[in-house]
N, C-alpha and C. Protein backbone atom coordinates (compact mmCIF):
# COMPACT_ATOMS: atom_id res chain seq x y z
N UNK A 1 7.63 -23.52 -7.04
CA UNK A 1 7.83 -22.18 -6.50
C UNK A 1 7.00 -21.18 -7.28
N UNK A 2 6.48 -20.21 -6.55
CA UNK A 2 5.64 -19.18 -7.16
C UNK A 2 6.50 -18.16 -7.87
N UNK A 3 5.90 -17.50 -8.85
CA UNK A 3 6.57 -16.39 -9.54
C UNK A 3 6.67 -15.21 -8.59
N UNK A 4 7.67 -14.35 -8.72
CA UNK A 4 7.77 -13.18 -7.86
C UNK A 4 6.53 -12.31 -7.97
N UNK A 5 6.15 -11.72 -6.86
CA UNK A 5 4.96 -10.87 -6.84
C UNK A 5 5.24 -9.55 -7.54
N UNK A 6 4.24 -9.03 -8.21
CA UNK A 6 4.34 -7.71 -8.80
C UNK A 6 4.11 -6.69 -7.70
N UNK A 7 4.88 -5.61 -7.70
CA UNK A 7 4.62 -4.55 -6.74
C UNK A 7 4.01 -3.37 -7.49
N UNK A 8 3.12 -2.69 -6.82
CA UNK A 8 2.45 -1.52 -7.39
C UNK A 8 2.89 -0.31 -6.60
N UNK A 9 3.42 0.70 -7.29
CA UNK A 9 3.88 1.90 -6.59
C UNK A 9 3.23 3.14 -7.19
N UNK A 10 3.23 4.20 -6.40
CA UNK A 10 2.64 5.46 -6.82
C UNK A 10 3.63 6.21 -7.72
N UNK A 11 3.16 6.70 -8.84
CA UNK A 11 3.97 7.53 -9.72
C UNK A 11 3.87 8.99 -9.28
N UNK A 12 2.77 9.30 -8.61
CA UNK A 12 2.53 10.65 -8.10
C UNK A 12 1.87 10.51 -6.74
N UNK A 13 1.69 11.62 -6.04
CA UNK A 13 1.08 11.59 -4.71
C UNK A 13 -0.36 11.08 -4.81
N UNK A 14 -0.68 10.12 -3.96
CA UNK A 14 -2.06 9.62 -3.85
C UNK A 14 -2.58 10.17 -2.53
N UNK A 15 -3.66 10.94 -2.57
CA UNK A 15 -4.14 11.60 -1.35
C UNK A 15 -4.77 10.65 -0.34
N UNK A 16 -4.60 10.97 0.93
CA UNK A 16 -5.24 10.21 2.01
C UNK A 16 -6.74 10.18 1.77
N UNK A 17 -7.34 9.04 2.01
CA UNK A 17 -8.78 8.90 1.87
C UNK A 17 -9.25 8.47 0.50
N UNK A 18 -8.38 8.52 -0.53
CA UNK A 18 -8.78 8.10 -1.87
C UNK A 18 -9.19 6.64 -1.85
N UNK A 19 -10.34 6.33 -2.45
CA UNK A 19 -10.83 4.95 -2.52
C UNK A 19 -10.58 4.37 -3.90
N UNK A 20 -10.11 3.13 -3.93
CA UNK A 20 -9.88 2.38 -5.16
C UNK A 20 -10.81 1.18 -5.15
N UNK A 21 -11.34 0.85 -6.29
CA UNK A 21 -12.12 -0.37 -6.34
C UNK A 21 -13.45 -0.18 -7.00
N UNK A 22 -14.31 -1.12 -6.84
CA UNK A 22 -14.24 -2.24 -5.89
C UNK A 22 -13.24 -3.31 -6.34
N UNK A 23 -12.83 -4.12 -5.37
CA UNK A 23 -11.90 -5.22 -5.64
C UNK A 23 -12.70 -6.33 -6.31
N UNK A 24 -12.30 -6.75 -7.51
CA UNK A 24 -13.05 -7.81 -8.20
C UNK A 24 -12.68 -9.21 -7.71
N UNK A 25 -13.54 -10.15 -7.95
CA UNK A 25 -13.26 -11.56 -7.66
C UNK A 25 -13.41 -11.92 -6.21
N UNK A 26 -12.91 -13.11 -5.87
CA UNK A 26 -12.99 -13.62 -4.51
C UNK A 26 -11.89 -12.95 -3.69
N UNK A 27 -12.26 -12.39 -2.54
CA UNK A 27 -11.32 -11.62 -1.73
C UNK A 27 -10.57 -12.54 -0.77
N UNK A 28 -9.26 -12.69 -1.00
CA UNK A 28 -8.41 -13.53 -0.15
C UNK A 28 -7.13 -12.79 0.18
N UNK A 29 -7.26 -11.56 0.62
CA UNK A 29 -6.10 -10.74 0.96
C UNK A 29 -5.23 -11.44 1.99
N UNK A 30 -3.95 -11.60 1.67
CA UNK A 30 -2.99 -12.19 2.58
C UNK A 30 -2.78 -13.68 2.41
N UNK A 31 -3.54 -14.33 1.55
CA UNK A 31 -3.41 -15.78 1.39
C UNK A 31 -1.99 -16.19 1.03
N UNK A 32 -1.30 -15.38 0.24
CA UNK A 32 0.06 -15.73 -0.19
C UNK A 32 1.11 -14.85 0.48
N UNK A 33 0.76 -14.23 1.59
CA UNK A 33 1.68 -13.36 2.31
C UNK A 33 2.83 -14.16 2.91
N UNK A 34 4.01 -13.61 2.80
CA UNK A 34 5.21 -14.25 3.32
C UNK A 34 6.02 -13.22 4.10
N UNK A 35 6.85 -13.69 5.02
CA UNK A 35 7.75 -12.79 5.73
C UNK A 35 8.79 -12.19 4.79
N UNK A 36 9.07 -12.88 3.68
CA UNK A 36 10.08 -12.42 2.72
C UNK A 36 9.43 -11.62 1.61
N UNK A 37 10.17 -10.70 1.05
CA UNK A 37 9.74 -9.94 -0.13
C UNK A 37 10.65 -10.33 -1.28
N UNK A 38 10.10 -11.04 -2.25
CA UNK A 38 10.89 -11.39 -3.42
C UNK A 38 10.80 -10.24 -4.41
N UNK A 39 11.93 -9.84 -4.99
CA UNK A 39 11.85 -8.79 -6.00
C UNK A 39 11.09 -9.30 -7.21
N UNK A 40 10.30 -8.43 -7.79
CA UNK A 40 9.52 -8.83 -8.96
C UNK A 40 9.23 -7.63 -9.82
N UNK A 41 8.41 -7.82 -10.85
CA UNK A 41 8.06 -6.72 -11.74
C UNK A 41 7.38 -5.59 -10.98
N UNK A 42 7.55 -4.37 -11.45
CA UNK A 42 6.93 -3.21 -10.81
C UNK A 42 5.95 -2.55 -11.76
N UNK A 43 4.87 -2.03 -11.21
CA UNK A 43 3.86 -1.32 -11.97
C UNK A 43 3.67 0.03 -11.28
N UNK A 44 3.64 1.10 -12.06
CA UNK A 44 3.43 2.44 -11.50
C UNK A 44 2.01 2.87 -11.80
N UNK A 45 1.40 3.53 -10.80
CA UNK A 45 0.05 4.05 -10.99
C UNK A 45 0.05 5.54 -10.76
N UNK A 46 -0.90 6.21 -11.37
CA UNK A 46 -0.97 7.65 -11.35
C UNK A 46 -2.19 8.11 -10.57
N UNK A 47 -2.07 9.27 -9.95
CA UNK A 47 -3.20 9.89 -9.27
C UNK A 47 -3.45 11.24 -9.89
N UNK A 48 -4.66 11.71 -9.73
CA UNK A 48 -5.04 13.01 -10.30
C UNK A 48 -4.77 14.16 -9.34
N UNK A 49 -4.07 13.91 -8.23
CA UNK A 49 -3.98 14.91 -7.17
C UNK A 49 -2.76 15.83 -7.27
N UNK A 50 -1.96 15.73 -8.31
CA UNK A 50 -0.79 16.59 -8.43
C UNK A 50 -0.83 17.33 -9.76
N UNK A 51 -0.04 18.39 -9.92
CA UNK A 51 -0.06 19.15 -11.17
C UNK A 51 0.32 18.30 -12.38
N UNK A 52 -0.13 18.68 -13.59
CA UNK A 52 0.11 17.91 -14.79
C UNK A 52 1.58 17.73 -15.16
N UNK A 53 2.49 18.52 -14.59
CA UNK A 53 3.90 18.36 -14.94
C UNK A 53 4.44 16.99 -14.56
N UNK A 54 3.74 16.26 -13.69
CA UNK A 54 4.18 14.93 -13.29
C UNK A 54 3.59 13.84 -14.18
N UNK A 55 3.05 14.21 -15.32
CA UNK A 55 2.45 13.28 -16.27
C UNK A 55 1.34 12.46 -15.63
N UNK A 56 0.61 13.09 -14.76
CA UNK A 56 -0.50 12.44 -14.08
C UNK A 56 -1.71 12.45 -14.99
N UNK A 57 -2.43 11.34 -15.02
CA UNK A 57 -3.61 11.28 -15.86
C UNK A 57 -4.82 10.86 -15.06
N UNK A 58 -5.92 11.48 -15.33
CA UNK A 58 -7.18 11.09 -14.73
C UNK A 58 -8.10 10.69 -15.87
N UNK A 59 -8.68 9.51 -15.76
CA UNK A 59 -9.62 9.04 -16.76
C UNK A 59 -10.94 8.77 -16.05
N UNK A 60 -11.95 9.53 -16.40
CA UNK A 60 -13.27 9.41 -15.78
C UNK A 60 -13.18 9.46 -14.25
N UNK A 61 -12.29 10.28 -13.74
CA UNK A 61 -12.19 10.50 -12.30
C UNK A 61 -11.58 9.37 -11.50
N UNK A 62 -10.83 8.47 -12.14
CA UNK A 62 -10.25 7.36 -11.39
C UNK A 62 -8.74 7.28 -11.58
N UNK A 63 -8.10 6.58 -10.66
CA UNK A 63 -6.66 6.36 -10.68
C UNK A 63 -6.34 5.39 -11.81
N UNK A 64 -5.33 5.71 -12.62
CA UNK A 64 -4.96 4.84 -13.74
C UNK A 64 -3.48 4.51 -13.70
N UNK A 65 -3.11 3.39 -14.34
CA UNK A 65 -1.70 3.02 -14.42
C UNK A 65 -1.07 3.67 -15.65
N UNK A 66 0.21 3.33 -15.91
CA UNK A 66 0.94 3.99 -16.99
C UNK A 66 0.35 3.70 -18.36
N UNK A 67 -0.43 2.61 -18.48
CA UNK A 67 -1.06 2.28 -19.76
C UNK A 67 -2.48 2.84 -19.84
N UNK A 68 -2.92 3.52 -18.77
CA UNK A 68 -4.27 4.06 -18.74
C UNK A 68 -5.31 3.07 -18.27
N UNK A 69 -4.87 1.91 -17.75
CA UNK A 69 -5.79 0.89 -17.28
C UNK A 69 -6.40 1.31 -15.95
N UNK A 70 -7.68 1.00 -15.75
CA UNK A 70 -8.36 1.35 -14.51
C UNK A 70 -7.90 0.44 -13.37
N UNK A 71 -8.20 0.86 -12.14
CA UNK A 71 -7.81 0.10 -10.95
C UNK A 71 -8.35 -1.32 -10.99
N UNK A 72 -9.50 -1.54 -11.60
CA UNK A 72 -10.07 -2.89 -11.65
C UNK A 72 -9.13 -3.88 -12.33
N UNK A 73 -8.26 -3.38 -13.22
CA UNK A 73 -7.35 -4.27 -13.94
C UNK A 73 -6.06 -4.57 -13.18
N UNK A 74 -5.70 -3.75 -12.17
CA UNK A 74 -4.44 -3.98 -11.46
C UNK A 74 -4.56 -3.97 -9.94
N UNK A 75 -5.74 -3.71 -9.40
CA UNK A 75 -5.90 -3.63 -7.94
C UNK A 75 -5.53 -4.95 -7.26
N UNK A 76 -5.75 -6.07 -7.95
CA UNK A 76 -5.40 -7.37 -7.39
C UNK A 76 -3.91 -7.62 -7.30
N UNK A 77 -3.09 -6.76 -7.92
CA UNK A 77 -1.64 -6.91 -7.86
C UNK A 77 -1.03 -6.24 -6.63
N UNK A 78 -1.82 -5.44 -5.90
CA UNK A 78 -1.31 -4.76 -4.71
C UNK A 78 -1.05 -5.81 -3.64
N UNK A 79 0.16 -5.77 -3.08
CA UNK A 79 0.57 -6.77 -2.11
C UNK A 79 -0.02 -6.50 -0.73
N UNK A 80 -0.16 -7.59 0.03
CA UNK A 80 -0.59 -7.49 1.43
C UNK A 80 0.56 -6.89 2.25
N UNK A 81 0.22 -5.99 3.16
CA UNK A 81 1.22 -5.38 4.05
C UNK A 81 1.59 -6.39 5.14
N UNK A 82 2.87 -6.48 5.44
CA UNK A 82 3.31 -7.41 6.48
C UNK A 82 3.09 -6.84 7.87
N UNK A 83 3.08 -5.50 7.97
CA UNK A 83 2.86 -4.85 9.27
C UNK A 83 2.30 -3.45 9.04
N UNK A 84 1.91 -2.79 10.11
CA UNK A 84 1.30 -1.46 10.00
C UNK A 84 2.28 -0.42 9.47
N UNK A 85 3.58 -0.59 9.71
CA UNK A 85 4.57 0.40 9.26
C UNK A 85 4.67 0.47 7.74
N UNK A 86 4.50 -0.64 7.04
CA UNK A 86 4.59 -0.60 5.59
C UNK A 86 3.23 -0.46 4.91
N UNK A 87 2.16 -0.46 5.67
CA UNK A 87 0.81 -0.39 5.12
C UNK A 87 0.47 1.02 4.64
N UNK A 88 -0.02 1.13 3.40
CA UNK A 88 -0.45 2.42 2.85
C UNK A 88 -1.95 2.47 2.59
N UNK A 89 -2.57 1.31 2.42
CA UNK A 89 -4.00 1.22 2.13
C UNK A 89 -4.67 0.27 3.12
N UNK A 90 -5.98 0.46 3.33
CA UNK A 90 -6.72 -0.53 4.10
C UNK A 90 -7.93 -0.98 3.30
N UNK A 91 -8.26 -2.25 3.46
CA UNK A 91 -9.42 -2.82 2.79
C UNK A 91 -10.64 -2.52 3.64
N UNK A 92 -11.66 -1.94 3.01
CA UNK A 92 -12.88 -1.55 3.71
C UNK A 92 -14.10 -1.99 2.91
N UNK A 93 -15.23 -2.09 3.61
CA UNK A 93 -16.51 -2.37 2.96
C UNK A 93 -17.55 -1.46 3.60
N UNK A 94 -18.44 -0.91 2.80
CA UNK A 94 -19.48 -0.04 3.34
C UNK A 94 -20.48 -0.81 4.19
N UNK A 95 -20.75 -2.04 3.80
CA UNK A 95 -21.67 -2.91 4.53
C UNK A 95 -21.03 -4.27 4.71
N UNK A 96 -21.31 -4.98 5.82
CA UNK A 96 -20.79 -6.34 5.94
C UNK A 96 -21.25 -7.18 4.74
N UNK A 97 -20.31 -7.85 4.11
CA UNK A 97 -20.63 -8.66 2.95
C UNK A 97 -20.76 -7.87 1.66
N UNK A 98 -20.55 -6.55 1.73
CA UNK A 98 -20.67 -5.70 0.55
C UNK A 98 -19.39 -5.65 -0.25
N UNK A 99 -19.39 -4.80 -1.26
CA UNK A 99 -18.19 -4.66 -2.10
C UNK A 99 -17.03 -4.12 -1.27
N UNK A 100 -15.82 -4.58 -1.61
CA UNK A 100 -14.62 -4.19 -0.88
C UNK A 100 -13.85 -3.17 -1.71
N UNK A 101 -13.38 -2.13 -1.03
CA UNK A 101 -12.58 -1.08 -1.64
C UNK A 101 -11.29 -0.96 -0.86
N UNK A 102 -10.28 -0.34 -1.47
CA UNK A 102 -9.05 0.01 -0.77
C UNK A 102 -9.07 1.51 -0.56
N UNK A 103 -8.70 1.95 0.64
CA UNK A 103 -8.68 3.38 0.98
C UNK A 103 -7.28 3.75 1.44
N UNK A 104 -6.77 4.87 0.90
CA UNK A 104 -5.43 5.34 1.29
C UNK A 104 -5.48 5.84 2.74
N UNK A 105 -4.61 5.31 3.58
CA UNK A 105 -4.57 5.68 4.99
C UNK A 105 -3.93 7.04 5.22
N UNK A 106 -3.07 7.43 4.30
CA UNK A 106 -2.34 8.69 4.40
C UNK A 106 -1.93 9.07 2.99
N UNK A 107 -1.33 10.24 2.81
CA UNK A 107 -0.81 10.59 1.50
C UNK A 107 0.31 9.60 1.15
N UNK A 108 0.19 8.98 0.00
CA UNK A 108 1.21 8.05 -0.47
C UNK A 108 2.10 8.82 -1.44
N UNK A 109 3.39 8.83 -1.15
CA UNK A 109 4.34 9.63 -1.91
C UNK A 109 4.80 8.93 -3.19
N UNK A 110 5.24 9.71 -4.19
CA UNK A 110 5.74 9.12 -5.43
C UNK A 110 6.86 8.12 -5.14
N UNK A 111 6.79 6.97 -5.81
CA UNK A 111 7.78 5.92 -5.65
C UNK A 111 7.47 4.95 -4.53
N UNK A 112 6.52 5.27 -3.67
CA UNK A 112 6.19 4.41 -2.55
C UNK A 112 5.30 3.25 -3.01
N UNK A 113 5.60 2.05 -2.50
CA UNK A 113 4.80 0.89 -2.86
C UNK A 113 3.45 0.94 -2.17
N UNK A 114 2.41 0.54 -2.89
CA UNK A 114 1.08 0.40 -2.30
C UNK A 114 0.99 -0.98 -1.67
N UNK A 115 0.65 -1.03 -0.39
CA UNK A 115 0.42 -2.29 0.31
C UNK A 115 -0.86 -2.15 1.10
N UNK A 116 -1.56 -3.23 1.31
CA UNK A 116 -2.89 -3.17 1.91
C UNK A 116 -3.07 -4.25 2.97
N UNK A 117 -3.89 -3.93 3.97
CA UNK A 117 -4.32 -4.91 4.96
C UNK A 117 -5.75 -4.58 5.35
N UNK A 118 -6.39 -5.50 6.01
CA UNK A 118 -7.78 -5.37 6.41
C UNK A 118 -7.99 -4.23 7.42
N UNK A 119 -9.10 -3.50 7.29
CA UNK A 119 -9.54 -2.62 8.37
C UNK A 119 -10.03 -3.54 9.49
N UNK A 120 -10.08 -3.07 10.72
CA UNK A 120 -10.53 -3.93 11.82
C UNK A 120 -11.93 -4.50 11.59
N UNK A 121 -12.92 -3.68 11.17
CA UNK A 121 -14.25 -4.27 10.94
C UNK A 121 -14.25 -5.35 9.85
N UNK A 122 -13.48 -5.14 8.79
CA UNK A 122 -13.44 -6.13 7.72
C UNK A 122 -12.71 -7.39 8.18
N UNK A 123 -11.65 -7.24 8.96
CA UNK A 123 -10.94 -8.40 9.50
C UNK A 123 -11.89 -9.23 10.37
N UNK A 124 -12.65 -8.57 11.20
CA UNK A 124 -13.60 -9.29 12.05
C UNK A 124 -14.66 -10.00 11.21
N UNK A 125 -15.12 -9.35 10.15
CA UNK A 125 -16.12 -9.96 9.27
C UNK A 125 -15.58 -11.25 8.65
N UNK A 126 -14.30 -11.26 8.24
CA UNK A 126 -13.69 -12.42 7.62
C UNK A 126 -13.05 -13.38 8.64
N UNK A 127 -13.17 -13.08 9.92
CA UNK A 127 -12.57 -13.87 10.99
C UNK A 127 -11.05 -13.94 10.84
N UNK A 128 -10.46 -12.78 10.50
CA UNK A 128 -9.01 -12.63 10.45
C UNK A 128 -8.59 -12.04 11.80
N UNK A 129 -7.56 -12.56 12.43
CA UNK A 129 -7.12 -11.97 13.70
C UNK A 129 -6.84 -10.46 13.55
N UNK A 130 -7.24 -9.68 14.54
CA UNK A 130 -7.04 -8.23 14.49
C UNK A 130 -5.73 -7.84 15.15
N UNK A 131 -5.33 -8.60 16.16
CA UNK A 131 -4.10 -8.28 16.87
C UNK A 131 -3.16 -9.49 16.88
N UNK A 132 -1.90 -9.21 17.11
CA UNK A 132 -0.89 -10.25 17.30
C UNK A 132 0.13 -9.70 18.28
N UNK A 133 0.36 -10.42 19.34
CA UNK A 133 1.28 -9.97 20.38
C UNK A 133 2.66 -10.56 20.14
N UNK A 134 3.69 -9.70 20.06
CA UNK A 134 5.04 -10.23 19.79
C UNK A 134 5.68 -10.84 21.03
N UNK A 135 6.57 -11.77 20.77
CA UNK A 135 7.48 -12.27 21.79
C UNK A 135 8.87 -11.91 21.29
N UNK A 136 9.89 -12.20 22.08
CA UNK A 136 11.26 -11.89 21.65
C UNK A 136 12.07 -13.17 21.63
N UNK A 137 12.85 -13.34 20.55
CA UNK A 137 13.68 -14.53 20.44
C UNK A 137 14.98 -14.34 21.22
N UNK A 138 15.88 -15.32 21.11
CA UNK A 138 17.13 -15.28 21.87
C UNK A 138 18.03 -14.11 21.49
N UNK A 139 17.82 -13.52 20.30
CA UNK A 139 18.59 -12.35 19.89
C UNK A 139 17.89 -11.05 20.26
N UNK A 140 16.73 -11.15 20.89
CA UNK A 140 15.97 -9.96 21.27
C UNK A 140 15.09 -9.41 20.17
N UNK A 141 14.98 -10.12 19.05
CA UNK A 141 14.16 -9.65 17.93
C UNK A 141 12.71 -10.07 18.13
N UNK A 142 11.79 -9.19 17.72
CA UNK A 142 10.36 -9.50 17.82
C UNK A 142 10.01 -10.66 16.90
N UNK A 143 9.21 -11.56 17.40
CA UNK A 143 8.68 -12.68 16.62
C UNK A 143 7.22 -12.87 17.02
N UNK A 144 6.46 -13.47 16.11
CA UNK A 144 5.04 -13.74 16.34
C UNK A 144 4.85 -15.25 16.20
N UNK A 145 4.26 -15.86 17.22
CA UNK A 145 4.15 -17.31 17.28
C UNK A 145 2.69 -17.73 17.16
N UNK A 146 2.45 -18.71 16.29
CA UNK A 146 1.12 -19.29 16.15
C UNK A 146 0.84 -20.12 17.40
N UNK A 147 -0.26 -19.81 18.07
CA UNK A 147 -0.59 -20.51 19.31
C UNK A 147 -1.16 -21.90 19.04
N UNK A 148 -1.41 -22.23 17.79
CA UNK A 148 -1.92 -23.56 17.46
C UNK A 148 -0.79 -24.52 17.10
N UNK A 149 0.12 -24.09 16.20
CA UNK A 149 1.16 -25.00 15.70
C UNK A 149 2.57 -24.57 16.09
N UNK A 150 2.72 -23.42 16.73
CA UNK A 150 3.99 -22.89 17.22
C UNK A 150 4.94 -22.43 16.12
N UNK A 151 4.45 -22.28 14.91
CA UNK A 151 5.29 -21.74 13.84
C UNK A 151 5.58 -20.27 14.15
N UNK A 152 6.78 -19.81 13.81
CA UNK A 152 7.23 -18.46 14.14
C UNK A 152 7.24 -17.57 12.89
N UNK A 153 6.83 -16.31 13.07
CA UNK A 153 6.79 -15.33 11.99
C UNK A 153 7.49 -14.05 12.40
N UNK A 154 8.04 -13.37 11.43
CA UNK A 154 8.74 -12.11 11.68
C UNK A 154 7.76 -10.93 11.76
N UNK A 155 6.63 -11.04 11.06
CA UNK A 155 5.67 -9.92 10.98
C UNK A 155 4.29 -10.35 11.47
N UNK A 156 3.55 -9.42 12.08
CA UNK A 156 2.23 -9.77 12.63
C UNK A 156 1.22 -10.21 11.57
N UNK A 157 1.21 -9.56 10.42
CA UNK A 157 0.22 -9.93 9.42
C UNK A 157 0.52 -11.27 8.77
N UNK A 158 1.79 -11.67 8.75
CA UNK A 158 2.14 -13.01 8.27
C UNK A 158 1.53 -14.06 9.18
N UNK A 159 1.59 -13.80 10.49
CA UNK A 159 0.97 -14.72 11.46
C UNK A 159 -0.54 -14.74 11.27
N UNK A 160 -1.16 -13.58 11.15
CA UNK A 160 -2.63 -13.52 11.00
C UNK A 160 -3.08 -14.27 9.75
N UNK A 161 -2.36 -14.09 8.65
CA UNK A 161 -2.70 -14.78 7.41
C UNK A 161 -2.51 -16.29 7.58
N UNK A 162 -1.44 -16.69 8.24
CA UNK A 162 -1.18 -18.11 8.49
C UNK A 162 -2.34 -18.74 9.27
N UNK A 163 -2.75 -18.09 10.36
CA UNK A 163 -3.82 -18.63 11.20
C UNK A 163 -5.11 -18.78 10.38
N UNK A 164 -5.42 -17.79 9.58
CA UNK A 164 -6.68 -17.81 8.83
C UNK A 164 -6.65 -18.76 7.63
N UNK A 165 -5.57 -18.74 6.87
CA UNK A 165 -5.55 -19.49 5.60
C UNK A 165 -4.82 -20.84 5.65
N UNK A 166 -3.83 -21.00 6.53
CA UNK A 166 -2.93 -22.13 6.38
C UNK A 166 -2.76 -23.05 7.59
N UNK A 167 -3.00 -22.59 8.79
CA UNK A 167 -2.69 -23.41 9.97
C UNK A 167 -3.66 -24.59 10.06
N UNK A 168 -3.11 -25.77 9.86
CA UNK A 168 -3.93 -26.98 9.90
C UNK A 168 -4.47 -27.26 11.30
N UNK A 169 -3.81 -26.75 12.33
CA UNK A 169 -4.22 -27.02 13.70
C UNK A 169 -5.28 -26.05 14.22
N UNK A 170 -5.49 -24.93 13.53
CA UNK A 170 -6.49 -23.97 14.03
C UNK A 170 -7.91 -24.47 13.74
N UNK A 171 -8.08 -25.32 12.72
CA UNK A 171 -9.38 -25.90 12.36
C UNK A 171 -10.48 -24.87 12.26
N UNK A 172 -10.12 -23.68 11.75
CA UNK A 172 -11.13 -22.64 11.56
C UNK A 172 -11.54 -21.92 12.82
N UNK A 173 -10.90 -22.25 13.95
CA UNK A 173 -11.24 -21.55 15.19
C UNK A 173 -10.70 -20.14 15.13
N UNK A 174 -11.40 -19.19 15.77
CA UNK A 174 -10.86 -17.83 15.80
C UNK A 174 -9.53 -17.79 16.54
N UNK A 175 -8.73 -16.78 16.20
CA UNK A 175 -7.41 -16.62 16.79
C UNK A 175 -7.52 -16.44 18.30
N UNK A 176 -6.66 -17.11 19.05
CA UNK A 176 -6.61 -16.96 20.51
C UNK A 176 -5.83 -15.69 20.85
N UNK A 177 -6.36 -14.90 21.73
CA UNK A 177 -5.70 -13.65 22.11
C UNK A 177 -4.93 -13.87 23.41
N UNK A 178 -3.78 -14.50 23.31
CA UNK A 178 -2.94 -14.77 24.48
C UNK A 178 -2.08 -13.55 24.78
N UNK A 179 -1.76 -13.38 26.02
CA UNK A 179 -0.85 -12.31 26.44
C UNK A 179 0.40 -12.92 27.05
N UNK A 180 0.94 -13.99 26.44
CA UNK A 180 2.15 -14.66 26.95
C UNK A 180 3.37 -13.86 26.64
C-alpha cells in the first residue's frame, strides 16, 4: 500500500492566472489518481498577493512554502484533481513538448487545497482523454465506465487517468468518445 498523499494548500490568496513551475522531472500527472482521498500530511504555501499581515512571503518574485522553499521543491506534491469542481490549477505548456507550468484557474482562497489537471491542449498532446460522459448507476449516482475493460469510476479524471496509465485493454489506443 502507498503512503498517504501530501496535500498542498494555500496559506493566503493565490491570484487567478499565477503560474508555478516549471514542473521538474517526468510529467505523469494523474498516474496515481484514485477515486478516494486518503488523509495525509499537509503543506501550506504562501502567495505574494495579500497584505503582509498574513505572514506572506515573496522570495525573488515566486510563491514559497512555510519553510521558504521554492515551487520547484514542492510542486510535485500537488494532487491531481478528480473533477473540474475541485480543480484549482491547470497544467499548461507554452509549446507542445515544452516545459510544463501550473496556472491558477481562479483566485485560490486561504486554506483551499491546490489540485491540478491537464489543460485541453496539454491533454491532447499527452493523449489523455479530454472528456468523459457519465452514466447513472442503480442508485442514480453518476459513474464513469471504461469502454475497454468496463471498470467503473466515481470521477471523470479517475477514468481518464485509468485509460491512459493503467487499462491493459486500451493498448495505448486513444479514448473512445461514446455517447451511451
